[in-house]
C-alpha atoms as a PDB file:
ATOM      1  CA  MET A   1       0.000   0.000   0.000  1.00  0.00           C
ATOM      2  CA  ARG A   2       1.316   3.443  -0.879  1.00  0.00           C
ATOM      3  CA  PRO A   3       2.103   5.844   2.006  1.00  0.00           C
ATOM      4  CA  GLU A   4      -0.546   8.355   0.904  1.00  0.00           C
ATOM      5  CA  GLU A   5      -3.202   5.616   0.954  1.00  0.00           C
ATOM      6  CA  MET A   6      -2.133   4.553   4.458  1.00  0.00           C
ATOM      7  CA  THR A   7      -2.393   8.191   5.577  1.00  0.00           C
ATOM      8  CA  ARG A   8      -5.849   8.574   4.004  1.00  0.00           C
ATOM      9  CA  ARG A   9      -7.100   5.440   5.751  1.00  0.00           C
ATOM     10  CA  ALA A  10      -5.622   6.458   9.106  1.00  0.00           C
ATOM     11  CA  LYS A  11      -7.283   9.865   8.879  1.00  0.00           C
ATOM     12  CA  SER A  12     -10.675   8.208   8.426  1.00  0.00           C
ATOM     13  CA  PHE A  13     -10.614   7.586  12.195  1.00  0.00           C
ATOM     14  CA  GLU A  14      -9.929  11.240  13.036  1.00  0.00           C
ATOM     15  CA  ARG A  15     -13.612  12.042  13.419  1.00  0.00           C
ATOM     16  CA  GLY A  16     -16.425  10.211  15.022  1.00  0.00           C
ATOM     17  CA  ALA A  17     -14.714   8.707  18.069  1.00  0.00           C
ATOM     18  CA  THR A  18     -17.729   9.432  20.265  1.00  0.00           C
ATOM     19  CA  GLU A  19     -20.081   7.751  17.797  1.00  0.00           C
ATOM     20  CA  TYR A  20     -17.649   4.849  17.408  1.00  0.00           C
ATOM     21  CA  GLU A  21     -17.583   4.465  21.178  1.00  0.00           C
ATOM     22  CA  GLN A  22     -21.379   4.442  21.370  1.00  0.00           C
ATOM     23  CA  LEU A  23     -21.989   2.095  18.433  1.00  0.00           C
ATOM     24  CA  ARG A  24     -19.087  -0.372  18.565  1.00  0.00           C
ATOM     25  CA  PRO A  25     -19.983  -3.329  20.748  1.00  0.00           C
ATOM     26  CA  GLU A  26     -17.630  -4.403  23.509  1.00  0.00           C
ATOM     27  CA  PHE A  27     -15.699  -7.625  23.090  1.00  0.00           C
ATOM     28  CA  PRO A  28     -16.784 -10.373  25.512  1.00  0.00           C
ATOM     29  CA  GLU A  29     -14.932 -10.195  28.852  1.00  0.00           C
ATOM     30  CA  ALA A  30     -14.379 -13.951  28.623  1.00  0.00           C
ATOM     31  CA  LEU A  31     -12.185 -13.367  25.569  1.00  0.00           C
ATOM     32  CA  PHE A  32      -9.724 -11.332  27.612  1.00  0.00           C
ATOM     33  CA  ALA A  33      -9.771 -13.736  30.529  1.00  0.00           C
ATOM     34  CA  SER A  34      -8.877 -16.458  28.035  1.00  0.00           C
ATOM     35  CA  ILE A  35      -6.082 -14.344  26.523  1.00  0.00           C
ATOM     36  CA  ARG A  36      -4.692 -13.669  29.992  1.00  0.00           C
ATOM     37  CA  GLU A  37      -4.911 -17.336  30.956  1.00  0.00           C
ATOM     38  CA  ARG A  38      -3.247 -18.566  27.764  1.00  0.00           C
ATOM     39  CA  ALA A  39      -0.542 -15.909  27.754  1.00  0.00           C
ATOM     40  CA  GLY A  40       0.345 -16.457  31.394  1.00  0.00           C
ATOM     41  CA  THR A  41       3.587 -14.755  32.388  1.00  0.00           C
ATOM     42  CA  ARG A  42       4.125 -13.474  28.843  1.00  0.00           C
ATOM     43  CA  LEU A  43       1.841 -10.583  29.818  1.00  0.00           C
ATOM     44  CA  SER A  44       3.640  -9.888  33.094  1.00  0.00           C
ATOM     45  CA  GLY A  45       5.578  -6.919  31.695  1.00  0.00           C
ATOM     46  CA  ARG A  46       4.205  -3.995  29.765  1.00  0.00           C
ATOM     47  CA  VAL A  47       2.356  -4.619  26.523  1.00  0.00           C
ATOM     48  CA  LEU A  48       2.491  -2.377  23.460  1.00  0.00           C
ATOM     49  CA  GLU A  49      -0.968  -1.894  21.921  1.00  0.00           C
ATOM     50  CA  VAL A  50      -0.978  -0.441  18.428  1.00  0.00           C
ATOM     51  CA  GLY A  51      -4.137   1.289  17.205  1.00  0.00           C
ATOM     52  CA  ALA A  52      -6.027   1.171  20.498  1.00  0.00           C
ATOM     53  CA  GLY A  53      -8.869   3.399  19.334  1.00  0.00           C
ATOM     54  CA  THR A  54     -11.264   4.077  22.201  1.00  0.00           C
ATOM     55  CA  GLY A  55      -9.962   1.184  24.257  1.00  0.00           C
ATOM     56  CA  ARG A  56     -12.163  -1.756  23.295  1.00  0.00           C
ATOM     57  CA  ALA A  57      -9.215  -4.082  23.980  1.00  0.00           C
ATOM     58  CA  THR A  58      -7.257  -1.789  26.295  1.00  0.00           C
ATOM     59  CA  LEU A  59      -9.672  -1.673  29.213  1.00  0.00           C
ATOM     60  CA  PRO A  60     -10.477  -5.383  29.351  1.00  0.00           C
ATOM     61  CA  LEU A  61      -6.750  -6.186  29.318  1.00  0.00           C
ATOM     62  CA  VAL A  62      -6.011  -3.622  32.026  1.00  0.00           C
ATOM     63  CA  ARG A  63      -8.818  -5.071  34.137  1.00  0.00           C
ATOM     64  CA  THR A  64      -6.967  -8.409  34.083  1.00  0.00           C
ATOM     65  CA  GLY A  65      -3.806  -6.742  35.413  1.00  0.00           C
ATOM     66  CA  VAL A  66      -1.907  -5.935  32.215  1.00  0.00           C
ATOM     67  CA  ALA A  67       0.021  -2.632  32.015  1.00  0.00           C
ATOM     68  CA  ILE A  68      -0.119  -1.115  28.522  1.00  0.00           C
ATOM     69  CA  ASP A  69       1.638   1.454  26.351  1.00  0.00           C
ATOM     70  CA  VAL A  70      -0.768   2.665  23.663  1.00  0.00           C
ATOM     71  CA  VAL A  71       0.144   4.021  20.237  1.00  0.00           C
ATOM     72  CA  GLU A  72      -2.885   5.598  18.524  1.00  0.00           C
ATOM     73  CA  PRO A  73      -2.839   8.161  15.683  1.00  0.00           C
ATOM     74  CA  SER A  74      -6.229   9.770  16.383  1.00  0.00           C
ATOM     75  CA  ALA A  75      -6.335  12.530  18.999  1.00  0.00           C
ATOM     76  CA  GLU A  76     -10.098  12.127  19.281  1.00  0.00           C
ATOM     77  CA  MET A  77      -9.850   8.362  19.907  1.00  0.00           C
ATOM     78  CA  LEU A  78      -7.123   8.970  22.499  1.00  0.00           C
ATOM     79  CA  SER A  79      -9.313  11.534  24.237  1.00  0.00           C
ATOM     80  CA  VAL A  80     -12.186   9.047  24.552  1.00  0.00           C
ATOM     81  CA  LEU A  81      -9.780   6.346  25.757  1.00  0.00           C
ATOM     82  CA  SER A  82      -8.234   8.714  28.290  1.00  0.00           C
ATOM     83  CA  ASP A  83     -11.697   9.578  29.650  1.00  0.00           C
ATOM     84  CA  ARG A  84     -12.602   5.884  29.931  1.00  0.00           C
ATOM     85  CA  LEU A  85      -9.365   5.079  31.755  1.00  0.00           C
ATOM     86  CA  GLU A  86      -9.873   7.989  34.148  1.00  0.00           C
ATOM     87  CA  ALA A  87     -13.492   6.972  34.845  1.00  0.00           C
ATOM     88  CA  GLU A  88     -12.412   3.438  35.781  1.00  0.00           C
ATOM     89  CA  GLY A  89      -9.303   4.471  37.697  1.00  0.00           C
ATOM     90  CA  TYR A  90      -6.745   2.888  35.365  1.00  0.00           C
ATOM     91  CA  SER A  91      -4.913   5.959  34.067  1.00  0.00           C
ATOM     92  CA  ASP A  92      -1.782   4.988  36.001  1.00  0.00           C
ATOM     93  CA  ARG A  93      -1.565   1.591  34.220  1.00  0.00           C
ATOM     94  CA  VAL A  94      -1.732   2.896  30.637  1.00  0.00           C
ATOM     95  CA  ASP A  95       0.595   5.317  28.877  1.00  0.00           C
ATOM     96  CA  LEU A  96      -0.925   7.010  25.831  1.00  0.00           C
ATOM     97  CA  ARG A  97       1.066   8.207  22.831  1.00  0.00           C
ATOM     98  CA  ARG A  98      -0.358   9.866  19.731  1.00  0.00           C
ATOM     99  CA  ALA A  99       1.524   8.341  16.814  1.00  0.00           C
ATOM    100  CA  THR A 100       1.145   5.876  13.995  1.00  0.00           C
ATOM    101  CA  PHE A 101       2.770   2.488  14.118  1.00  0.00           C
ATOM    102  CA  GLU A 102       5.110   3.655  11.372  1.00  0.00           C
ATOM    103  CA  ASP A 103       6.205   6.587  13.579  1.00  0.00           C
ATOM    104  CA  VAL A 104       7.427   4.280  16.339  1.00  0.00           C
ATOM    105  CA  ASP A 105      11.185   3.831  16.118  1.00  0.00           C
ATOM    106  CA  PRO A 106      11.876   0.161  16.904  1.00  0.00           C
ATOM    107  CA  ARG A 107      15.354   1.091  18.124  1.00  0.00           C
ATOM    108  CA  ALA A 108      13.896   3.476  20.718  1.00  0.00           C
ATOM    109  CA  PRO A 109      10.943   1.773  22.435  1.00  0.00           C
ATOM    110  CA  LEU A 110       8.418   3.737  24.455  1.00  0.00           C
ATOM    111  CA  ARG A 111      10.394   4.229  27.672  1.00  0.00           C
ATOM    112  CA  ARG A 112      10.598   0.501  28.353  1.00  0.00           C
ATOM    113  CA  ARG A 113      10.729  -2.980  26.931  1.00  0.00           C
ATOM    114  CA  HIS A 114       7.471  -4.726  26.167  1.00  0.00           C
ATOM    115  CA  SER A 115       6.647  -8.323  26.867  1.00  0.00           C
ATOM    116  CA  ARG A 116       4.303  -8.579  23.873  1.00  0.00           C
ATOM    117  CA  PRO A 117       2.703  -6.386  21.215  1.00  0.00           C
ATOM    118  CA  VAL A 118      -1.092  -6.398  20.915  1.00  0.00           C
ATOM    119  CA  VAL A 119      -2.841  -5.850  17.606  1.00  0.00           C
ATOM    120  CA  PRO A 120      -6.409  -4.484  17.553  1.00  0.00           C
ATOM    121  CA  LEU A 121      -9.075  -7.153  17.244  1.00  0.00           C
ATOM    122  CA  GLY A 122     -11.574  -5.346  15.083  1.00  0.00           C
END
């Protein structure tokens, strides 16, 4: 895919985060309990979540004890995610960074090493 097409697609998420949050169904909690159970100690460090959006995967993972560094290109999505984290008292377990995956320098990780990357589910 050409860089300009990737940029165009990424920008499609710039608006509508509130509507996305209201209309997008939550993933089943059992899914994240299963992920946590199967991953075991592999999720004991910090996890890098790319494209977190409004936190449909972030919050369920944090509720199971995972600490997460988020990379999300949309300021509006990050704002909704930040509000959700604050409302549930998990702001201290998740670091938010506005960037695209391509902007992340693999030689300079986000302040720490990560046990596993997480890719959005939907």
